[in-house]
């Protein structure tokens, strides 16, 4: 049985979270369409219920305590979780809502073009996609699974490999007309576009080509989509996962350099927390994405 003392009302928590977020009772009241006095009363009643002050008061000014900042982070996560669950229920009353964290370019280039038939074949399942680059904890984020690049080391999670990364270096036709490349040594002095999460990518590519180390210099980016556009614009040579480079290669906007699709140093993984193990909706999604990978 849950103890009522430790379960404040939603009205109290929403008022408290809004005050913390805006650092203002007035702004919180405007957002919630309540009077300032009502918001102040809700916050005061929360403090009485918890038996601990959350703000120091100087005339009409509220200053949050250090404990309030820690408490607010947990309250925000809880409210986000409730909101997502409610949105999922409204969007899909039959249940089966999955919230996935996916790498940005993987989401747009690989997952989104394929997922339509899965949703059509599983009308009781809806999928919410969020793009993230940095890692997070399943304990503190309301995600049901994540698709990420690296090793099978996501904390407190089950893993299944989707596919190994294979790398293709490519550049625009105009760039290669000015800078022909017939061997890795010809890369010396050229702008070699880099992704910040693949610091050793170029070294792995050069080694796979049978060449010696080439000094790497060029713009560093945080997303492959930006790198693709930069290469198309002639700003340098891009080192891309082959599945991302192929559409531009097929369209003639990029040209592969030397041997394409050489092995990289990591893989794409699907990871999920124990709470989703055996969940029917997630089990269907996992089976579908593994079948997609096998088909590719």
C-alpha atoms as a PDB file:
ATOM      1  CA  UNK A   1       0.000   0.000   0.000  1.00  0.00           C
ATOM      2  CA  UNK A   2       1.339   3.423  -0.943  1.00  0.00           C
ATOM      3  CA  UNK A   3       1.519   5.996   1.823  1.00  0.00           C
ATOM      4  CA  UNK A   4      -0.619   9.026   1.081  1.00  0.00           C
ATOM      5  CA  UNK A   5       1.874  11.400   2.681  1.00  0.00           C
ATOM      6  CA  UNK A   6       4.408  10.620  -0.030  1.00  0.00           C
ATOM      7  CA  UNK A   7       1.915  10.969  -2.876  1.00  0.00           C
ATOM      8  CA  UNK A   8       1.164  14.672  -3.339  1.00  0.00           C
ATOM      9  CA  UNK A   9      -1.655  15.596  -5.675  1.00  0.00           C
ATOM     10  CA  UNK A  10      -0.991  16.343  -9.338  1.00  0.00           C
ATOM     11  CA  UNK A  11      -2.140  19.923  -8.766  1.00  0.00           C
ATOM     12  CA  UNK A  12       0.530  20.412  -6.113  1.00  0.00           C
ATOM     13  CA  UNK A  13       3.273  18.842  -8.209  1.00  0.00           C
ATOM     14  CA  UNK A  14       2.326  20.692 -11.398  1.00  0.00           C
ATOM     15  CA  UNK A  15       2.315  24.014  -9.563  1.00  0.00           C
ATOM     16  CA  UNK A  16       5.663  23.280  -7.902  1.00  0.00           C
ATOM     17  CA  UNK A  17       7.279  22.145 -11.175  1.00  0.00           C
ATOM     18  CA  UNK A  18       6.032  25.237 -13.021  1.00  0.00           C
ATOM     19  CA  UNK A  19       7.388  27.579 -10.323  1.00  0.00           C
ATOM     20  CA  UNK A  20      10.757  25.824 -10.434  1.00  0.00           C
ATOM     21  CA  UNK A  21      10.893  25.920 -14.221  1.00  0.00           C
ATOM     22  CA  UNK A  22       9.938  29.587 -14.546  1.00  0.00           C
ATOM     23  CA  UNK A  23      11.608  30.736 -11.313  1.00  0.00           C
ATOM     24  CA  UNK A  24       8.490  32.847 -10.893  1.00  0.00           C
ATOM     25  CA  UNK A  25       5.083  32.383  -9.292  1.00  0.00           C
ATOM     26  CA  UNK A  26       3.605  34.920 -11.708  1.00  0.00           C
ATOM     27  CA  UNK A  27       4.868  33.126 -14.818  1.00  0.00           C
ATOM     28  CA  UNK A  28       3.785  29.754 -13.417  1.00  0.00           C
ATOM     29  CA  UNK A  29       0.311  31.112 -12.710  1.00  0.00           C
ATOM     30  CA  UNK A  30       0.044  32.491 -16.248  1.00  0.00           C
ATOM     31  CA  UNK A  31       1.030  29.137 -17.753  1.00  0.00           C
ATOM     32  CA  UNK A  32      -1.408  27.185 -15.606  1.00  0.00           C
ATOM     33  CA  UNK A  33      -4.225  29.734 -15.951  1.00  0.00           C
ATOM     34  CA  UNK A  34      -4.425  30.091 -12.176  1.00  0.00           C
ATOM     35  CA  UNK A  35      -4.133  33.043  -9.841  1.00  0.00           C
ATOM     36  CA  UNK A  36      -0.817  33.724  -8.141  1.00  0.00           C
ATOM     37  CA  UNK A  37      -2.385  33.117  -4.760  1.00  0.00           C
ATOM     38  CA  UNK A  38      -3.661  29.707  -5.880  1.00  0.00           C
ATOM     39  CA  UNK A  39      -0.194  28.657  -7.072  1.00  0.00           C
ATOM     40  CA  UNK A  40       1.339  29.905  -3.817  1.00  0.00           C
ATOM     41  CA  UNK A  41      -1.213  27.945  -1.790  1.00  0.00           C
ATOM     42  CA  UNK A  42      -0.550  24.752  -3.756  1.00  0.00           C
ATOM     43  CA  UNK A  43       3.195  25.069  -3.182  1.00  0.00           C
ATOM     44  CA  UNK A  44       2.675  25.798   0.506  1.00  0.00           C
ATOM     45  CA  UNK A  45       0.360  22.794   0.870  1.00  0.00           C
ATOM     46  CA  UNK A  46       3.007  20.601  -0.788  1.00  0.00           C
ATOM     47  CA  UNK A  47       5.586  21.807   1.726  1.00  0.00           C
ATOM     48  CA  UNK A  48       3.231  21.043   4.615  1.00  0.00           C
ATOM     49  CA  UNK A  49       2.541  17.562   3.278  1.00  0.00           C
ATOM     50  CA  UNK A  50       6.241  16.802   2.875  1.00  0.00           C
ATOM     51  CA  UNK A  51       7.097  18.432   6.185  1.00  0.00           C
ATOM     52  CA  UNK A  52       9.992  20.290   4.606  1.00  0.00           C
ATOM     53  CA  UNK A  53      10.397  23.791   3.144  1.00  0.00           C
ATOM     54  CA  UNK A  54      11.087  23.889  -0.574  1.00  0.00           C
ATOM     55  CA  UNK A  55      11.585  27.643  -0.834  1.00  0.00           C
ATOM     56  CA  UNK A  56      12.900  30.452   1.298  1.00  0.00           C
ATOM     57  CA  UNK A  57      10.627  33.476   1.268  1.00  0.00           C
ATOM     58  CA  UNK A  58      11.760  37.073   1.171  1.00  0.00           C
ATOM     59  CA  UNK A  59       8.660  39.240   0.930  1.00  0.00           C
ATOM     60  CA  UNK A  60       7.037  37.984  -2.284  1.00  0.00           C
ATOM     61  CA  UNK A  61      10.160  36.309  -3.676  1.00  0.00           C
ATOM     62  CA  UNK A  62      10.573  32.517  -3.555  1.00  0.00           C
ATOM     63  CA  UNK A  63      14.089  31.055  -3.670  1.00  0.00           C
ATOM     64  CA  UNK A  64      14.259  27.268  -4.073  1.00  0.00           C
ATOM     65  CA  UNK A  65      16.347  25.273  -1.641  1.00  0.00           C
ATOM     66  CA  UNK A  66      19.015  22.831  -2.804  1.00  0.00           C
ATOM     67  CA  UNK A  67      16.676  19.987  -1.838  1.00  0.00           C
ATOM     68  CA  UNK A  68      13.924  21.508  -3.984  1.00  0.00           C
ATOM     69  CA  UNK A  69      16.160  21.401  -7.080  1.00  0.00           C
ATOM     70  CA  UNK A  70      16.829  17.678  -6.594  1.00  0.00           C
ATOM     71  CA  UNK A  71      13.158  16.987  -5.905  1.00  0.00           C
ATOM     72  CA  UNK A  72      12.088  18.994  -8.964  1.00  0.00           C
ATOM     73  CA  UNK A  73      14.224  16.841 -11.287  1.00  0.00           C
ATOM     74  CA  UNK A  74      12.420  13.695 -10.126  1.00  0.00           C
ATOM     75  CA  UNK A  75       9.004  15.375 -10.237  1.00  0.00           C
ATOM     76  CA  UNK A  76       9.655  16.522 -13.818  1.00  0.00           C
ATOM     77  CA  UNK A  77      10.568  12.974 -14.867  1.00  0.00           C
ATOM     78  CA  UNK A  78       7.443  11.626 -13.227  1.00  0.00           C
ATOM     79  CA  UNK A  79       5.174  14.173 -14.880  1.00  0.00           C
ATOM     80  CA  UNK A  80       6.816  13.510 -18.260  1.00  0.00           C
ATOM     81  CA  UNK A  81       6.213   9.792 -17.841  1.00  0.00           C
ATOM     82  CA  UNK A  82       2.543  10.319 -16.970  1.00  0.00           C
ATOM     83  CA  UNK A  83       2.107  12.716 -19.901  1.00  0.00           C
ATOM     84  CA  UNK A  84       3.675  10.285 -22.382  1.00  0.00           C
ATOM     85  CA  UNK A  85       1.541   7.432 -21.099  1.00  0.00           C
ATOM     86  CA  UNK A  86      -1.601   9.548 -21.417  1.00  0.00           C
ATOM     87  CA  UNK A  87      -0.682  10.732 -24.911  1.00  0.00           C
ATOM     88  CA  UNK A  88      -0.041   7.136 -25.933  1.00  0.00           C
ATOM     89  CA  UNK A  89      -3.369   5.987 -24.529  1.00  0.00           C
ATOM     90  CA  UNK A  90      -5.245   8.727 -26.368  1.00  0.00           C
ATOM     91  CA  UNK A  91      -3.370   8.097 -29.635  1.00  0.00           C
ATOM     92  CA  UNK A  92      -3.709   4.350 -29.350  1.00  0.00           C
ATOM     93  CA  UNK A  93      -6.474   3.206 -26.974  1.00  0.00           C
ATOM     94  CA  UNK A  94      -5.644  -0.433 -27.711  1.00  0.00           C
ATOM     95  CA  UNK A  95      -2.287  -0.068 -25.981  1.00  0.00           C
ATOM     96  CA  UNK A  96       1.061  -1.166 -27.332  1.00  0.00           C
ATOM     97  CA  UNK A  97       2.826   2.201 -27.251  1.00  0.00           C
ATOM     98  CA  UNK A  98       6.616   2.069 -27.661  1.00  0.00           C
ATOM     99  CA  UNK A  99       8.880   5.048 -27.013  1.00  0.00           C
ATOM    100  CA  UNK A 100      12.190   4.633 -28.840  1.00  0.00           C
ATOM    101  CA  UNK A 101      15.380   6.654 -28.651  1.00  0.00           C
ATOM    102  CA  UNK A 102      17.156   6.569 -32.008  1.00  0.00           C
ATOM    103  CA  UNK A 103      20.263   8.173 -33.519  1.00  0.00           C
ATOM    104  CA  UNK A 104      19.129  11.125 -35.684  1.00  0.00           C
ATOM    105  CA  UNK A 105      20.433  10.084 -39.109  1.00  0.00           C
ATOM    106  CA  UNK A 106      19.666   6.412 -38.498  1.00  0.00           C
ATOM    107  CA  UNK A 107      16.084   7.439 -37.747  1.00  0.00           C
ATOM    108  CA  UNK A 108      15.639   9.478 -40.916  1.00  0.00           C
ATOM    109  CA  UNK A 109      17.672   7.343 -43.340  1.00  0.00           C
ATOM    110  CA  UNK A 110      17.099   3.765 -42.154  1.00  0.00           C
ATOM    111  CA  UNK A 111      14.204   3.410 -39.723  1.00  0.00           C
ATOM    112  CA  UNK A 112      11.596   5.899 -40.939  1.00  0.00           C
ATOM    113  CA  UNK A 113      11.503   4.663 -44.578  1.00  0.00           C
ATOM    114  CA  UNK A 114      10.928   1.081 -43.406  1.00  0.00           C
ATOM    115  CA  UNK A 115       8.577   1.370 -40.451  1.00  0.00           C
ATOM    116  CA  UNK A 116       5.337   2.013 -42.352  1.00  0.00           C
ATOM    117  CA  UNK A 117       4.614  -1.665 -43.153  1.00  0.00           C
ATOM    118  CA  UNK A 118       5.287  -2.619 -39.515  1.00  0.00           C
ATOM    119  CA  UNK A 119       2.676  -0.135 -38.286  1.00  0.00           C
ATOM    120  CA  UNK A 120       0.226  -1.280 -40.966  1.00  0.00           C
ATOM    121  CA  UNK A 121       0.682  -4.910 -39.945  1.00  0.00           C
ATOM    122  CA  UNK A 122       0.395  -4.086 -36.229  1.00  0.00           C
ATOM    123  CA  UNK A 123      -2.492  -1.596 -35.886  1.00  0.00           C
ATOM    124  CA  UNK A 124      -2.534  -2.036 -32.111  1.00  0.00           C
ATOM    125  CA  UNK A 125       1.002  -0.657 -31.749  1.00  0.00           C
ATOM    126  CA  UNK A 126       2.077   2.970 -32.006  1.00  0.00           C
ATOM    127  CA  UNK A 127       5.676   4.162 -31.888  1.00  0.00           C
ATOM    128  CA  UNK A 128       7.026   7.435 -30.541  1.00  0.00           C
ATOM    129  CA  UNK A 129      10.501   8.361 -31.828  1.00  0.00           C
ATOM    130  CA  UNK A 130      12.966  10.699 -30.135  1.00  0.00           C
ATOM    131  CA  UNK A 131      16.462  11.364 -31.423  1.00  0.00           C
ATOM    132  CA  UNK A 132      19.350  11.329 -28.972  1.00  0.00           C
ATOM    133  CA  UNK A 133      23.110  11.306 -29.367  1.00  0.00           C
ATOM    134  CA  UNK A 134      24.202  11.192 -25.738  1.00  0.00           C
ATOM    135  CA  UNK A 135      23.606   8.154 -23.568  1.00  0.00           C
ATOM    136  CA  UNK A 136      20.980   8.088 -20.835  1.00  0.00           C
ATOM    137  CA  UNK A 137      19.702   5.771 -18.130  1.00  0.00           C
ATOM    138  CA  UNK A 138      16.530   3.744 -18.590  1.00  0.00           C
ATOM    139  CA  UNK A 139      15.919   4.318 -14.886  1.00  0.00           C
ATOM    140  CA  UNK A 140      15.621   8.085 -15.379  1.00  0.00           C
ATOM    141  CA  UNK A 141      14.223   8.348 -18.939  1.00  0.00           C
ATOM    142  CA  UNK A 142      10.841   7.073 -20.119  1.00  0.00           C
ATOM    143  CA  UNK A 143      12.147   5.126 -23.118  1.00  0.00           C
ATOM    144  CA  UNK A 144      11.274   1.521 -23.871  1.00  0.00           C
ATOM    145  CA  UNK A 145      14.310   0.869 -26.079  1.00  0.00           C
ATOM    146  CA  UNK A 146      17.251   2.585 -27.743  1.00  0.00           C
ATOM    147  CA  UNK A 147      19.060   2.101 -31.043  1.00  0.00           C
ATOM    148  CA  UNK A 148      22.660   3.231 -30.679  1.00  0.00           C
ATOM    149  CA  UNK A 149      26.156   2.791 -32.115  1.00  0.00           C
ATOM    150  CA  UNK A 150      29.044   1.254 -30.228  1.00  0.00           C
ATOM    151  CA  UNK A 151      29.473  -1.877 -28.145  1.00  0.00           C
ATOM    152  CA  UNK A 152      26.955  -4.015 -26.189  1.00  0.00           C
ATOM    153  CA  UNK A 153      27.586  -2.019 -23.037  1.00  0.00           C
ATOM    154  CA  UNK A 154      24.398  -0.033 -22.424  1.00  0.00           C
ATOM    155  CA  UNK A 155      23.953  -0.176 -18.632  1.00  0.00           C
ATOM    156  CA  UNK A 156      21.214  -2.331 -17.125  1.00  0.00           C
ATOM    157  CA  UNK A 157      19.896  -3.433 -20.515  1.00  0.00           C
ATOM    158  CA  UNK A 158      19.463  -6.402 -22.832  1.00  0.00           C
ATOM    159  CA  UNK A 159      21.167  -6.142 -26.234  1.00  0.00           C
ATOM    160  CA  UNK A 160      20.846  -7.507 -29.748  1.00  0.00           C
ATOM    161  CA  UNK A 161      23.180  -6.561 -32.592  1.00  0.00           C
ATOM    162  CA  UNK A 162      21.514  -5.098 -35.666  1.00  0.00           C
ATOM    163  CA  UNK A 163      24.524  -4.844 -38.000  1.00  0.00           C
ATOM    164  CA  UNK A 164      28.208  -3.977 -38.041  1.00  0.00           C
ATOM    165  CA  UNK A 165      29.159  -0.591 -39.394  1.00  0.00           C
ATOM    166  CA  UNK A 166      30.883  -0.532 -42.766  1.00  0.00           C
ATOM    167  CA  UNK A 167      32.492   2.676 -43.964  1.00  0.00           C
ATOM    168  CA  UNK A 168      32.622   4.345 -47.351  1.00  0.00           C
ATOM    169  CA  UNK A 169      34.627   7.489 -48.023  1.00  0.00           C
ATOM    170  CA  UNK A 170      33.074   9.708 -50.661  1.00  0.00           C
ATOM    171  CA  UNK A 171      33.149  13.195 -52.089  1.00  0.00           C
ATOM    172  CA  UNK A 172      31.339  15.241 -54.678  1.00  0.00           C
ATOM    173  CA  UNK A 173      32.206  14.768 -58.364  1.00  0.00           C
ATOM    174  CA  UNK A 174      33.441  18.371 -58.546  1.00  0.00           C
ATOM    175  CA  UNK A 175      35.729  17.905 -55.531  1.00  0.00           C
ATOM    176  CA  UNK A 176      37.281  14.761 -57.034  1.00  0.00           C
ATOM    177  CA  UNK A 177      37.758  16.478 -60.393  1.00  0.00           C
ATOM    178  CA  UNK A 178      40.047  18.962 -58.606  1.00  0.00           C
ATOM    179  CA  UNK A 179      41.537  16.427 -56.190  1.00  0.00           C
ATOM    180  CA  UNK A 180      41.767  12.982 -57.817  1.00  0.00           C
ATOM    181  CA  UNK A 181      42.393  10.183 -55.308  1.00  0.00           C
ATOM    182  CA  UNK A 182      43.988   6.925 -56.450  1.00  0.00           C
ATOM    183  CA  UNK A 183      45.609   5.858 -53.169  1.00  0.00           C
ATOM    184  CA  UNK A 184      45.315   6.707 -49.458  1.00  0.00           C
ATOM    185  CA  UNK A 185      48.420   8.888 -49.708  1.00  0.00           C
ATOM    186  CA  UNK A 186      46.522  11.207 -52.053  1.00  0.00           C
ATOM    187  CA  UNK A 187      44.312  12.152 -49.072  1.00  0.00           C
ATOM    188  CA  UNK A 188      47.166  14.052 -47.404  1.00  0.00           C
ATOM    189  CA  UNK A 189      46.316  17.722 -47.076  1.00  0.00           C
ATOM    190  CA  UNK A 190      42.671  17.300 -48.056  1.00  0.00           C
ATOM    191  CA  UNK A 191      39.767  18.230 -45.794  1.00  0.00           C
ATOM    192  CA  UNK A 192      38.612  14.981 -44.184  1.00  0.00           C
ATOM    193  CA  UNK A 193      35.241  15.523 -42.562  1.00  0.00           C
ATOM    194  CA  UNK A 194      34.907  13.862 -39.153  1.00  0.00           C
ATOM    195  CA  UNK A 195      32.144  12.855 -36.780  1.00  0.00           C
ATOM    196  CA  UNK A 196      32.854  13.673 -33.148  1.00  0.00           C
ATOM    197  CA  UNK A 197      31.664  10.231 -31.981  1.00  0.00           C
ATOM    198  CA  UNK A 198      34.003   8.433 -34.457  1.00  0.00           C
ATOM    199  CA  UNK A 199      37.437   9.889 -33.567  1.00  0.00           C
ATOM    200  CA  UNK A 200      39.335   6.911 -35.006  1.00  0.00           C
ATOM    201  CA  UNK A 201      37.147   6.355 -38.044  1.00  0.00           C
ATOM    202  CA  UNK A 202      39.604   7.655 -40.622  1.00  0.00           C
ATOM    203  CA  UNK A 203      42.459   5.607 -39.182  1.00  0.00           C
ATOM    204  CA  UNK A 204      40.351   2.449 -39.490  1.00  0.00           C
ATOM    205  CA  UNK A 205      39.423   3.320 -43.080  1.00  0.00           C
ATOM    206  CA  UNK A 206      43.010   4.042 -44.146  1.00  0.00           C
ATOM    207  CA  UNK A 207      44.211   0.813 -42.529  1.00  0.00           C
ATOM    208  CA  UNK A 208      41.516  -1.160 -44.385  1.00  0.00           C
ATOM    209  CA  UNK A 209      42.736   0.386 -47.643  1.00  0.00           C
ATOM    210  CA  UNK A 210      46.241  -0.908 -46.938  1.00  0.00           C
ATOM    211  CA  UNK A 211      47.705   2.557 -46.511  1.00  0.00           C
ATOM    212  CA  UNK A 212      49.857   4.226 -43.878  1.00  0.00           C
ATOM    213  CA  UNK A 213      48.485   6.762 -41.426  1.00  0.00           C
ATOM    214  CA  UNK A 214      47.330   9.998 -43.032  1.00  0.00           C
ATOM    215  CA  UNK A 215      47.096  13.182 -40.934  1.00  0.00           C
ATOM    216  CA  UNK A 216      43.430  14.022 -40.475  1.00  0.00           C
ATOM    217  CA  UNK A 217      42.262  17.605 -40.687  1.00  0.00           C
ATOM    218  CA  UNK A 218      38.823  18.960 -41.429  1.00  0.00           C
ATOM    219  CA  UNK A 219      35.553  19.989 -39.882  1.00  0.00           C
ATOM    220  CA  UNK A 220      34.193  17.991 -36.955  1.00  0.00           C
ATOM    221  CA  UNK A 221      30.419  17.492 -36.894  1.00  0.00           C
ATOM    222  CA  UNK A 222      27.927  15.842 -34.559  1.00  0.00           C
ATOM    223  CA  UNK A 223      25.562  14.367 -37.165  1.00  0.00           C
ATOM    224  CA  UNK A 224      26.076  12.461 -40.397  1.00  0.00           C
ATOM    225  CA  UNK A 225      23.300  14.421 -42.108  1.00  0.00           C
ATOM    226  CA  UNK A 226      25.403  17.590 -41.853  1.00  0.00           C
ATOM    227  CA  UNK A 227      28.477  15.735 -43.100  1.00  0.00           C
ATOM    228  CA  UNK A 228      26.587  14.463 -46.140  1.00  0.00           C
ATOM    229  CA  UNK A 229      25.503  17.978 -47.090  1.00  0.00           C
ATOM    230  CA  UNK A 230      28.997  19.339 -46.502  1.00  0.00           C
ATOM    231  CA  UNK A 231      30.488  16.706 -48.813  1.00  0.00           C
ATOM    232  CA  UNK A 232      27.866  17.366 -51.493  1.00  0.00           C
ATOM    233  CA  UNK A 233      28.793  21.060 -51.276  1.00  0.00           C
ATOM    234  CA  UNK A 234      32.447  20.223 -51.933  1.00  0.00           C
ATOM    235  CA  UNK A 235      33.766  21.011 -48.461  1.00  0.00           C
ATOM    236  CA  UNK A 236      35.786  17.822 -48.157  1.00  0.00           C
ATOM    237  CA  UNK A 237      35.770  14.051 -48.105  1.00  0.00           C
ATOM    238  CA  UNK A 238      33.135  12.426 -45.908  1.00  0.00           C
ATOM    239  CA  UNK A 239      33.547   9.106 -44.115  1.00  0.00           C
ATOM    240  CA  UNK A 240      30.064   7.638 -43.901  1.00  0.00           C
ATOM    241  CA  UNK A 241      28.351   4.426 -42.906  1.00  0.00           C
ATOM    242  CA  UNK A 242      27.728   2.715 -46.237  1.00  0.00           C
ATOM    243  CA  UNK A 243      23.954   2.510 -45.742  1.00  0.00           C
ATOM    244  CA  UNK A 244      23.843   6.291 -45.321  1.00  0.00           C
ATOM    245  CA  UNK A 245      26.100   7.056 -48.282  1.00  0.00           C
ATOM    246  CA  UNK A 246      24.346   4.777 -50.776  1.00  0.00           C
ATOM    247  CA  UNK A 247      21.350   7.013 -51.662  1.00  0.00           C
ATOM    248  CA  UNK A 248      23.639   9.926 -52.576  1.00  0.00           C
ATOM    249  CA  UNK A 249      25.968   7.591 -54.476  1.00  0.00           C
ATOM    250  CA  UNK A 250      23.018   6.172 -56.439  1.00  0.00           C
ATOM    251  CA  UNK A 251      21.907   9.718 -57.295  1.00  0.00           C
ATOM    252  CA  UNK A 252      25.412  10.718 -58.407  1.00  0.00           C
ATOM    253  CA  UNK A 253      25.755  13.453 -55.820  1.00  0.00           C
ATOM    254  CA  UNK A 254      28.615  11.617 -54.100  1.00  0.00           C
ATOM    255  CA  UNK A 255      31.290   9.313 -55.520  1.00  0.00           C
ATOM    256  CA  UNK A 256      32.915   6.531 -53.457  1.00  0.00           C
ATOM    257  CA  UNK A 257      36.682   6.683 -53.023  1.00  0.00           C
ATOM    258  CA  UNK A 258      38.876   3.575 -53.297  1.00  0.00           C
ATOM    259  CA  UNK A 259      37.391   0.402 -51.761  1.00  0.00           C
ATOM    260  CA  UNK A 260      33.873   1.002 -50.391  1.00  0.00           C
ATOM    261  CA  UNK A 261      32.146  -0.628 -47.409  1.00  0.00           C
ATOM    262  CA  UNK A 262      35.258  -1.455 -45.381  1.00  0.00           C
ATOM    263  CA  UNK A 263      34.794  -2.710 -41.801  1.00  0.00           C
ATOM    264  CA  UNK A 264      34.397  -0.068 -39.111  1.00  0.00           C
ATOM    265  CA  UNK A 265      35.021  -0.321 -35.379  1.00  0.00           C
ATOM    266  CA  UNK A 266      31.527  -0.710 -33.966  1.00  0.00           C
ATOM    267  CA  UNK A 267      28.005  -1.854 -34.600  1.00  0.00           C
ATOM    268  CA  UNK A 268      24.410  -0.701 -34.307  1.00  0.00           C
ATOM    269  CA  UNK A 269      22.565  -2.207 -31.355  1.00  0.00           C
ATOM    270  CA  UNK A 270      19.031  -2.414 -30.034  1.00  0.00           C
ATOM    271  CA  UNK A 271      18.947  -2.260 -26.220  1.00  0.00           C
ATOM    272  CA  UNK A 272      16.007  -2.375 -23.828  1.00  0.00           C
ATOM    273  CA  UNK A 273      15.413  -2.462 -20.069  1.00  0.00           C
ATOM    274  CA  UNK A 274      14.288  -5.527 -18.182  1.00  0.00           C
ATOM    275  CA  UNK A 275      10.772  -4.095 -17.802  1.00  0.00           C
ATOM    276  CA  UNK A 276      10.235  -4.538 -21.559  1.00  0.00           C
ATOM    277  CA  UNK A 277      11.513  -8.109 -21.652  1.00  0.00           C
ATOM    278  CA  UNK A 278       8.622 -10.247 -22.878  1.00  0.00           C
ATOM    279  CA  UNK A 279       6.344  -7.269 -23.584  1.00  0.00           C
ATOM    280  CA  UNK A 280       4.159  -8.251 -26.598  1.00  0.00           C
ATOM    281  CA  UNK A 281       4.478  -4.913 -28.440  1.00  0.00           C
ATOM    282  CA  UNK A 282       8.231  -4.745 -27.988  1.00  0.00           C
ATOM    283  CA  UNK A 283       8.647  -8.423 -28.896  1.00  0.00           C
ATOM    284  CA  UNK A 284       6.908  -7.775 -32.212  1.00  0.00           C
ATOM    285  CA  UNK A 285       9.046  -4.716 -32.908  1.00  0.00           C
ATOM    286  CA  UNK A 286      12.246  -6.590 -32.088  1.00  0.00           C
ATOM    287  CA  UNK A 287      11.297  -9.500 -34.378  1.00  0.00           C
ATOM    288  CA  UNK A 288      10.436  -7.056 -37.164  1.00  0.00           C
ATOM    289  CA  UNK A 289      13.674  -5.056 -36.980  1.00  0.00           C
ATOM    290  CA  UNK A 290      15.778  -8.208 -36.842  1.00  0.00           C
ATOM    291  CA  UNK A 291      13.976  -9.466 -39.957  1.00  0.00           C
ATOM    292  CA  UNK A 292      14.652  -6.139 -41.698  1.00  0.00           C
ATOM    293  CA  UNK A 293      18.357  -6.415 -40.909  1.00  0.00           C
ATOM    294  CA  UNK A 294      18.482 -10.016 -42.154  1.00  0.00           C
ATOM    295  CA  UNK A 295      16.703  -8.972 -45.368  1.00  0.00           C
ATOM    296  CA  UNK A 296      19.172  -6.139 -45.979  1.00  0.00           C
END
